[in-house]
PDB file of all heavy atoms in Angstrom:
ATOM      1  N   PHE A   1      94.698 113.105 121.357  1.00  0.00           N
ATOM      2  CA  PHE A   1      94.969 111.754 120.847  1.00  0.00           C
ATOM      3  C   PHE A   1      94.121 110.725 121.576  1.00  0.00           C
ATOM      4  O   PHE A   1      94.108 110.655 122.803  1.00  0.00           O
ATOM      5  CB  PHE A   1      96.451 111.427 121.031  1.00  0.00           C
ATOM      6  CG  PHE A   1      96.861 110.117 120.409  1.00  0.00           C
ATOM      7  CD1 PHE A   1      96.982 109.995 119.035  1.00  0.00           C
ATOM      8  CD2 PHE A   1      97.129 109.009 121.202  1.00  0.00           C
ATOM      9  CE1 PHE A   1      97.368 108.806 118.456  1.00  0.00           C
ATOM     10  CE2 PHE A   1      97.517 107.806 120.633  1.00  0.00           C
ATOM     11  CZ  PHE A   1      97.633 107.705 119.250  1.00  0.00           C
ATOM     12  N   ASN A   2      93.403 109.891 120.778  1.00  0.00           N
ATOM     13  CA  ASN A   2      92.588 108.835 121.352  1.00  0.00           C
ATOM     14  C   ASN A   2      93.373 107.526 121.274  1.00  0.00           C
ATOM     15  O   ASN A   2      93.391 106.856 120.238  1.00  0.00           O
ATOM     16  CB  ASN A   2      91.252 108.708 120.604  1.00  0.00           C
ATOM     17  CG  ASN A   2      90.295 107.752 121.297  1.00  0.00           C
ATOM     18  OD1 ASN A   2      90.609 106.591 121.511  1.00  0.00           O
ATOM     19  ND2 ASN A   2      89.115 108.248 121.657  1.00  0.00           N
ATOM     20  N   ASN A   3      94.008 107.174 122.370  1.00  0.00           N
ATOM     21  CA  ASN A   3      94.833 105.974 122.400  1.00  0.00           C
ATOM     22  C   ASN A   3      93.985 104.704 122.380  1.00  0.00           C
ATOM     23  O   ASN A   3      94.396 103.669 121.844  1.00  0.00           O
ATOM     24  CB  ASN A   3      95.720 105.987 123.637  1.00  0.00           C
ATOM     25  CG  ASN A   3      96.818 104.953 123.566  1.00  0.00           C
ATOM     26  OD1 ASN A   3      97.694 105.025 122.702  1.00  0.00           O
ATOM     27  ND2 ASN A   3      96.776 103.980 124.459  1.00  0.00           N
ATOM     28  N   GLN A   4      92.782 104.772 122.948  1.00  0.00           N
ATOM     29  CA  GLN A   4      91.921 103.599 123.045  1.00  0.00           C
ATOM     30  C   GLN A   4      91.521 103.076 121.673  1.00  0.00           C
ATOM     31  O   GLN A   4      91.486 101.866 121.439  1.00  0.00           O
ATOM     32  CB  GLN A   4      90.673 103.924 123.865  1.00  0.00           C
ATOM     33  CG  GLN A   4      89.737 102.734 124.057  1.00  0.00           C
ATOM     34  CD  GLN A   4      88.521 103.092 124.908  1.00  0.00           C
ATOM     35  OE1 GLN A   4      88.370 104.229 125.344  1.00  0.00           O
ATOM     36  NE2 GLN A   4      87.655 102.116 125.136  1.00  0.00           N
ATOM     37  N   LEU A   5      91.210 103.978 120.745  1.00  0.00           N
ATOM     38  CA  LEU A   5      90.788 103.559 119.412  1.00  0.00           C
ATOM     39  C   LEU A   5      91.960 103.355 118.453  1.00  0.00           C
ATOM     40  O   LEU A   5      91.813 102.695 117.422  1.00  0.00           O
ATOM     41  CB  LEU A   5      89.833 104.594 118.807  1.00  0.00           C
ATOM     42  CG  LEU A   5      88.457 104.724 119.460  1.00  0.00           C
ATOM     43  CD1 LEU A   5      87.653 105.820 118.775  1.00  0.00           C
ATOM     44  CD2 LEU A   5      87.699 103.400 119.413  1.00  0.00           C
ATOM     45  N   SER A   6      93.115 103.926 118.760  1.00  0.00           N
ATOM     46  CA  SER A   6      94.252 103.860 117.847  1.00  0.00           C
ATOM     47  C   SER A   6      94.804 102.445 117.755  1.00  0.00           C
ATOM     48  O   SER A   6      94.785 101.692 118.730  1.00  0.00           O
ATOM     49  CB  SER A   6      95.347 104.828 118.308  1.00  0.00           C
ATOM     50  OG  SER A   6      94.916 106.167 118.180  1.00  0.00           O
ATOM     51  N   ARG A   7      95.286 102.098 116.592  1.00  0.00           N
ATOM     52  CA  ARG A   7      95.788 100.760 116.339  1.00  0.00           C
ATOM     53  C   ARG A   7      97.040 100.799 115.465  1.00  0.00           C
ATOM     54  O   ARG A   7      97.188 101.658 114.605  1.00  0.00           O
ATOM     55  CB  ARG A   7      94.738  99.903 115.603  1.00  0.00           C
ATOM     56  CG  ARG A   7      93.458  99.651 116.374  1.00  0.00           C
ATOM     57  CD  ARG A   7      93.657  98.672 117.523  1.00  0.00           C
ATOM     58  NE  ARG A   7      92.400  98.331 118.160  1.00  0.00           N
ATOM     59  CZ  ARG A   7      91.847  99.036 119.155  1.00  0.00           C
ATOM     60  NH1 ARG A   7      92.451 100.129 119.621  1.00  0.00           N
ATOM     61  NH2 ARG A   7      90.683  98.651 119.670  1.00  0.00           N
ATOM     62  N   ASN A   8      97.919  99.844 115.710  1.00  0.00           N
ATOM     63  CA  ASN A   8      99.018  99.555 114.798  1.00  0.00           C
ATOM     64  C   ASN A   8      99.015  98.058 114.538  1.00  0.00           C
ATOM     65  O   ASN A   8      99.230  97.272 115.453  1.00  0.00           O
ATOM     66  CB  ASN A   8     100.366  99.969 115.385  1.00  0.00           C
ATOM     67  CG  ASN A   8     101.521  99.476 114.535  1.00  0.00           C
ATOM     68  OD1 ASN A   8     101.384  99.303 113.331  1.00  0.00           O
ATOM     69  ND2 ASN A   8     102.662  99.237 115.154  1.00  0.00           N
ATOM     70  N   PHE A   9      98.783  97.679 113.300  1.00  0.00           N
ATOM     71  CA  PHE A   9      98.756  96.275 112.946  1.00  0.00           C
ATOM     72  C   PHE A   9      99.926  95.888 112.042  1.00  0.00           C
ATOM     73  O   PHE A   9      99.896  94.841 111.419  1.00  0.00           O
ATOM     74  CB  PHE A   9      97.422  95.930 112.276  1.00  0.00           C
ATOM     75  CG  PHE A   9      96.245  96.002 113.204  1.00  0.00           C
ATOM     76  CD1 PHE A   9      95.572  97.198 113.405  1.00  0.00           C
ATOM     77  CD2 PHE A   9      95.814  94.880 113.882  1.00  0.00           C
ATOM     78  CE1 PHE A   9      94.484  97.280 114.261  1.00  0.00           C
ATOM     79  CE2 PHE A   9      94.726  94.946 114.748  1.00  0.00           C
ATOM     80  CZ  PHE A   9      94.064  96.153 114.943  1.00  0.00           C
ATOM     81  N   THR A  10     100.917  96.717 111.956  1.00  0.00           N
ATOM     82  CA  THR A  10     102.079  96.385 111.144  1.00  0.00           C
ATOM     83  C   THR A  10     103.142  95.697 111.990  1.00  0.00           C
ATOM     84  O   THR A  10     103.213  95.878 113.206  1.00  0.00           O
ATOM     85  CB  THR A  10     102.711  97.636 110.508  1.00  0.00           C
ATOM     86  OG1 THR A  10     103.262  98.454 111.540  1.00  0.00           O
ATOM     87  CG2 THR A  10     101.690  98.425 109.711  1.00  0.00           C
ATOM     88  N   ILE A  11     103.962  94.916 111.328  1.00  0.00           N
ATOM     89  CA  ILE A  11     105.153  94.343 111.930  1.00  0.00           C
ATOM     90  C   ILE A  11     106.354  94.887 111.169  1.00  0.00           C
ATOM     91  O   ILE A  11     106.399  94.807 109.942  1.00  0.00           O
ATOM     92  CB  ILE A  11     105.155  92.797 111.847  1.00  0.00           C
ATOM     93  CG1 ILE A  11     103.986  92.223 112.646  1.00  0.00           C
ATOM     94  CG2 ILE A  11     106.466  92.221 112.356  1.00  0.00           C
ATOM     95  CD1 ILE A  11     103.864  90.716 112.545  1.00  0.00           C
ATOM     96  N   ASP A  12     107.311  95.455 111.885  1.00  0.00           N
ATOM     97  CA  ASP A  12     108.518  95.939 111.223  1.00  0.00           C
ATOM     98  C   ASP A  12     109.229  94.786 110.519  1.00  0.00           C
ATOM     99  O   ASP A  12     109.323  93.672 111.055  1.00  0.00           O
ATOM    100  CB  ASP A  12     109.474  96.570 112.232  1.00  0.00           C
ATOM    101  CG  ASP A  12     108.988  97.918 112.738  1.00  0.00           C
ATOM    102  OD1 ASP A  12     108.031  98.454 112.160  1.00  0.00           O
ATOM    103  OD2 ASP A  12     109.577  98.433 113.707  1.00  0.00           O
ATOM    104  N   ILE A  13     109.708  95.046 109.337  1.00  0.00           N
ATOM    105  CA  ILE A  13     110.430  94.053 108.551  1.00  0.00           C
ATOM    106  C   ILE A  13     111.878  94.508 108.430  1.00  0.00           C
ATOM    107  O   ILE A  13     112.182  95.412 107.635  1.00  0.00           O
ATOM    108  CB  ILE A  13     109.798  93.886 107.155  1.00  0.00           C
ATOM    109  CG1 ILE A  13     108.308  93.543 107.277  1.00  0.00           C
ATOM    110  CG2 ILE A  13     110.530  92.813 106.349  1.00  0.00           C
ATOM    111  CD1 ILE A  13     107.570  93.548 105.956  1.00  0.00           C
ATOM    112  N   PRO A  14     112.790  93.932 109.214  1.00  0.00           N
ATOM    113  CA  PRO A  14     114.184  94.413 109.204  1.00  0.00           C
ATOM    114  C   PRO A  14     114.838  94.311 107.833  1.00  0.00           C
ATOM    115  O   PRO A  14     115.537  95.222 107.405  1.00  0.00           O
ATOM    116  CB  PRO A  14     114.880  93.509 110.219  1.00  0.00           C
ATOM    117  CG  PRO A  14     113.781  93.023 111.109  1.00  0.00           C
ATOM    118  CD  PRO A  14     112.584  92.878 110.211  1.00  0.00           C
ATOM    119  N   ASN A  15     114.610  93.170 107.111  1.00  0.00           N
ATOM    120  CA  ASN A  15     115.245  92.947 105.815  1.00  0.00           C
ATOM    121  C   ASN A  15     114.216  92.557 104.777  1.00  0.00           C
ATOM    122  O   ASN A  15     113.212  91.921 105.091  1.00  0.00           O
ATOM    123  CB  ASN A  15     116.300  91.835 105.926  1.00  0.00           C
ATOM    124  CG  ASN A  15     117.353  92.152 106.961  1.00  0.00           C
ATOM    125  OD1 ASN A  15     117.973  93.210 106.916  1.00  0.00           O
ATOM    126  ND2 ASN A  15     117.543  91.253 107.902  1.00  0.00           N
ATOM    127  N   ASP A  16     114.480  92.927 103.518  1.00  0.00           N
ATOM    128  CA  ASP A  16     113.544  92.551 102.467  1.00  0.00           C
ATOM    129  C   ASP A  16     113.862  91.146 101.962  1.00  0.00           C
ATOM    130  O   ASP A  16     114.776  90.480 102.449  1.00  0.00           O
ATOM    131  CB  ASP A  16     113.566  93.566 101.312  1.00  0.00           C
ATOM    132  CG  ASP A  16     114.919  93.662 100.616  1.00  0.00           C
ATOM    133  OD1 ASP A  16     115.692  92.685 100.646  1.00  0.00           O
ATOM    134  OD2 ASP A  16     115.178  94.723 100.008  1.00  0.00           O
ATOM    135  N   SER A  17     113.098  90.678 100.978  1.00  0.00           N
ATOM    136  CA  SER A  17     113.227  89.298 100.501  1.00  0.00           C
ATOM    137  C   SER A  17     114.563  89.026  99.834  1.00  0.00           C
ATOM    138  O   SER A  17     114.977  87.875  99.692  1.00  0.00           O
ATOM    139  CB  SER A  17     112.088  88.980  99.527  1.00  0.00           C
ATOM    140  OG  SER A  17     112.104  89.884  98.433  1.00  0.00           O
ATOM    141  N   ASP A  18     115.259  90.093  99.417  1.00  0.00           N
ATOM    142  CA  ASP A  18     116.571  89.927  98.790  1.00  0.00           C
ATOM    143  C   ASP A  18     117.707  90.047  99.794  1.00  0.00           C
ATOM    144  O   ASP A  18     118.871  90.052  99.409  1.00  0.00           O
ATOM    145  CB  ASP A  18     116.758  90.970  97.686  1.00  0.00           C
ATOM    146  CG  ASP A  18     115.757  90.785  96.547  1.00  0.00           C
ATOM    147  OD1 ASP A  18     115.421  89.624  96.265  1.00  0.00           O
ATOM    148  OD2 ASP A  18     115.327  91.797  95.965  1.00  0.00           O
ATOM    149  N   GLY A  19     117.363  90.171 101.082  1.00  0.00           N
ATOM    150  CA  GLY A  19     118.379  90.266 102.108  1.00  0.00           C
ATOM    151  C   GLY A  19     118.867  91.672 102.392  1.00  0.00           C
ATOM    152  O   GLY A  19     119.718  91.877 103.269  1.00  0.00           O
ATOM    153  N   GLY A  20     118.336  92.667 101.683  1.00  0.00           N
ATOM    154  CA  GLY A  20     118.726  94.045 101.934  1.00  0.00           C
ATOM    155  C   GLY A  20     117.916  94.648 103.071  1.00  0.00           C
ATOM    156  O   GLY A  20     116.924  94.090 103.523  1.00  0.00           O
ATOM    157  N   GLU A  21     118.352  95.815 103.542  1.00  0.00           N
ATOM    158  CA  GLU A  21     117.639  96.490 104.632  1.00  0.00           C
ATOM    159  C   GLU A  21     116.300  96.992 104.136  1.00  0.00           C
ATOM    160  O   GLU A  21     116.197  97.557 103.055  1.00  0.00           O
ATOM    161  CB  GLU A  21     118.463  97.652 105.169  1.00  0.00           C
ATOM    162  CG  GLU A  21     117.819  98.333 106.366  1.00  0.00           C
ATOM    163  CD  GLU A  21     118.614  99.531 106.858  1.00  0.00           C
ATOM    164  OE1 GLU A  21     118.526 100.583 106.205  1.00  0.00           O
ATOM    165  OE2 GLU A  21     119.307  99.410 107.870  1.00  0.00           O
ATOM    166  N   PHE A  22     115.246  96.777 104.931  1.00  0.00           N
ATOM    167  CA  PHE A  22     113.917  97.279 104.575  1.00  0.00           C
ATOM    168  C   PHE A  22     113.497  98.330 105.593  1.00  0.00           C
ATOM    169  O   PHE A  22     113.671  99.517 105.379  1.00  0.00           O
ATOM    170  CB  PHE A  22     112.915  96.124 104.494  1.00  0.00           C
ATOM    171  CG  PHE A  22     111.604  96.521 103.884  1.00  0.00           C
ATOM    172  CD1 PHE A  22     111.521  96.807 102.534  1.00  0.00           C
ATOM    173  CD2 PHE A  22     110.459  96.606 104.650  1.00  0.00           C
ATOM    174  CE1 PHE A  22     110.316  97.185 101.959  1.00  0.00           C
ATOM    175  CE2 PHE A  22     109.251  96.977 104.088  1.00  0.00           C
ATOM    176  CZ  PHE A  22     109.178  97.265 102.745  1.00  0.00           C
ATOM    177  N   ASP A  23     112.975  97.914 106.746  1.00  0.00           N
ATOM    178  CA  ASP A  23     112.613  98.863 107.796  1.00  0.00           C
ATOM    179  C   ASP A  23     113.778  99.183 108.720  1.00  0.00           C
ATOM    180  O   ASP A  23     113.737 100.170 109.450  1.00  0.00           O
ATOM    181  CB  ASP A  23     111.460  98.320 108.646  1.00  0.00           C
ATOM    182  CG  ASP A  23     110.134  98.346 107.912  1.00  0.00           C
ATOM    183  OD1 ASP A  23     109.947  99.229 107.063  1.00  0.00           O
ATOM    184  OD2 ASP A  23     109.292  97.482 108.178  1.00  0.00           O
ATOM    185  N   GLY A  24     114.782  98.325 108.729  1.00  0.00           N
ATOM    186  CA  GLY A  24     115.871  98.504 109.675  1.00  0.00           C
ATOM    187  C   GLY A  24     115.577  97.783 110.979  1.00  0.00           C
ATOM    188  O   GLY A  24     114.541  97.126 111.126  1.00  0.00           O
ATOM    189  N   PRO A  25     116.482  97.866 111.954  1.00  0.00           N
ATOM    190  CA  PRO A  25     116.333  97.130 113.217  1.00  0.00           C
ATOM    191  C   PRO A  25     115.036  97.466 113.942  1.00  0.00           C
ATOM    192  O   PRO A  25     114.544  98.589 113.894  1.00  0.00           O
ATOM    193  CB  PRO A  25     117.548  97.598 114.029  1.00  0.00           C
ATOM    194  CG  PRO A  25     118.528  98.079 113.013  1.00  0.00           C
ATOM    195  CD  PRO A  25     117.720  98.661 111.902  1.00  0.00           C
ATOM    196  N   CYS A  26     114.469  96.459 114.600  1.00  0.00           N
ATOM    197  CA  CYS A  26     113.236  96.653 115.369  1.00  0.00           C
ATOM    198  C   CYS A  26     113.552  97.361 116.684  1.00  0.00           C
ATOM    199  O   CYS A  26     114.501  97.004 117.377  1.00  0.00           O
ATOM    200  CB  CYS A  26     112.578  95.311 115.652  1.00  0.00           C
ATOM    201  SG  CYS A  26     112.114  94.403 114.161  1.00  0.00           S
ATOM    202  N   GLU A  27     112.733  98.338 117.042  1.00  0.00           N
ATOM    203  CA  GLU A  27     112.944  99.081 118.283  1.00  0.00           C
ATOM    204  C   GLU A  27     112.207  98.468 119.464  1.00  0.00           C
ATOM    205  O   GLU A  27     112.543  98.754 120.614  1.00  0.00           O
ATOM    206  CB  GLU A  27     112.473 100.539 118.124  1.00  0.00           C
ATOM    207  CG  GLU A  27     113.173 101.313 117.021  1.00  0.00           C
ATOM    208  CD  GLU A  27     112.476 101.198 115.686  1.00  0.00           C
ATOM    209  OE1 GLU A  27     111.545 100.380 115.550  1.00  0.00           O
ATOM    210  OE2 GLU A  27     112.875 101.933 114.769  1.00  0.00           O
ATOM    211  N   PHE A  28     111.180  97.667 119.186  1.00  0.00           N
ATOM    212  CA  PHE A  28     110.346  97.112 120.248  1.00  0.00           C
ATOM    213  C   PHE A  28     110.277  95.599 120.107  1.00  0.00           C
ATOM    214  O   PHE A  28     110.408  95.055 119.011  1.00  0.00           O
ATOM    215  CB  PHE A  28     108.936  97.712 120.202  1.00  0.00           C
ATOM    216  CG  PHE A  28     108.904  99.201 120.425  1.00  0.00           C
ATOM    217  CD1 PHE A  28     108.969 100.078 119.340  1.00  0.00           C
ATOM    218  CD2 PHE A  28     108.826  99.725 121.704  1.00  0.00           C
ATOM    219  CE1 PHE A  28     108.949 101.444 119.540  1.00  0.00           C
ATOM    220  CE2 PHE A  28     108.802 101.094 121.904  1.00  0.00           C
ATOM    221  CZ  PHE A  28     108.866 101.955 120.831  1.00  0.00           C
ATOM    222  N   ARG A  29     110.079  94.907 121.229  1.00  0.00           N
ATOM    223  CA  ARG A  29     109.971  93.451 121.212  1.00  0.00           C
ATOM    224  C   ARG A  29     108.834  93.024 120.279  1.00  0.00           C
ATOM    225  O   ARG A  29     107.756  93.599 120.302  1.00  0.00           O
ATOM    226  CB  ARG A  29     109.720  92.909 122.616  1.00  0.00           C
ATOM    227  CG  ARG A  29     110.925  92.998 123.544  1.00  0.00           C
ATOM    228  CD  ARG A  29     110.663  92.275 124.864  1.00  0.00           C
ATOM    229  NE  ARG A  29     111.813  92.319 125.744  1.00  0.00           N
ATOM    230  CZ  ARG A  29     112.021  93.264 126.664  1.00  0.00           C
ATOM    231  NH1 ARG A  29     111.129  94.223 126.818  1.00  0.00           N
ATOM    232  NH2 ARG A  29     113.100  93.232 127.414  1.00  0.00           N
ATOM    233  N   GLY A  30     109.105  91.990 119.518  1.00  0.00           N
ATOM    234  CA  GLY A  30     108.111  91.511 118.574  1.00  0.00           C
ATOM    235  C   GLY A  30     108.048  92.322 117.300  1.00  0.00           C
ATOM    236  O   GLY A  30     107.240  92.045 116.420  1.00  0.00           O
TER     237      GLY A  30
END
């Protein structure tokens, strides 16, 4: 695994636009 080149540019979305669960609770700050 190459950690230096790896990227995550997503942000978890706990709820969708209708107020329902989407990704669920965030596990990490931010």
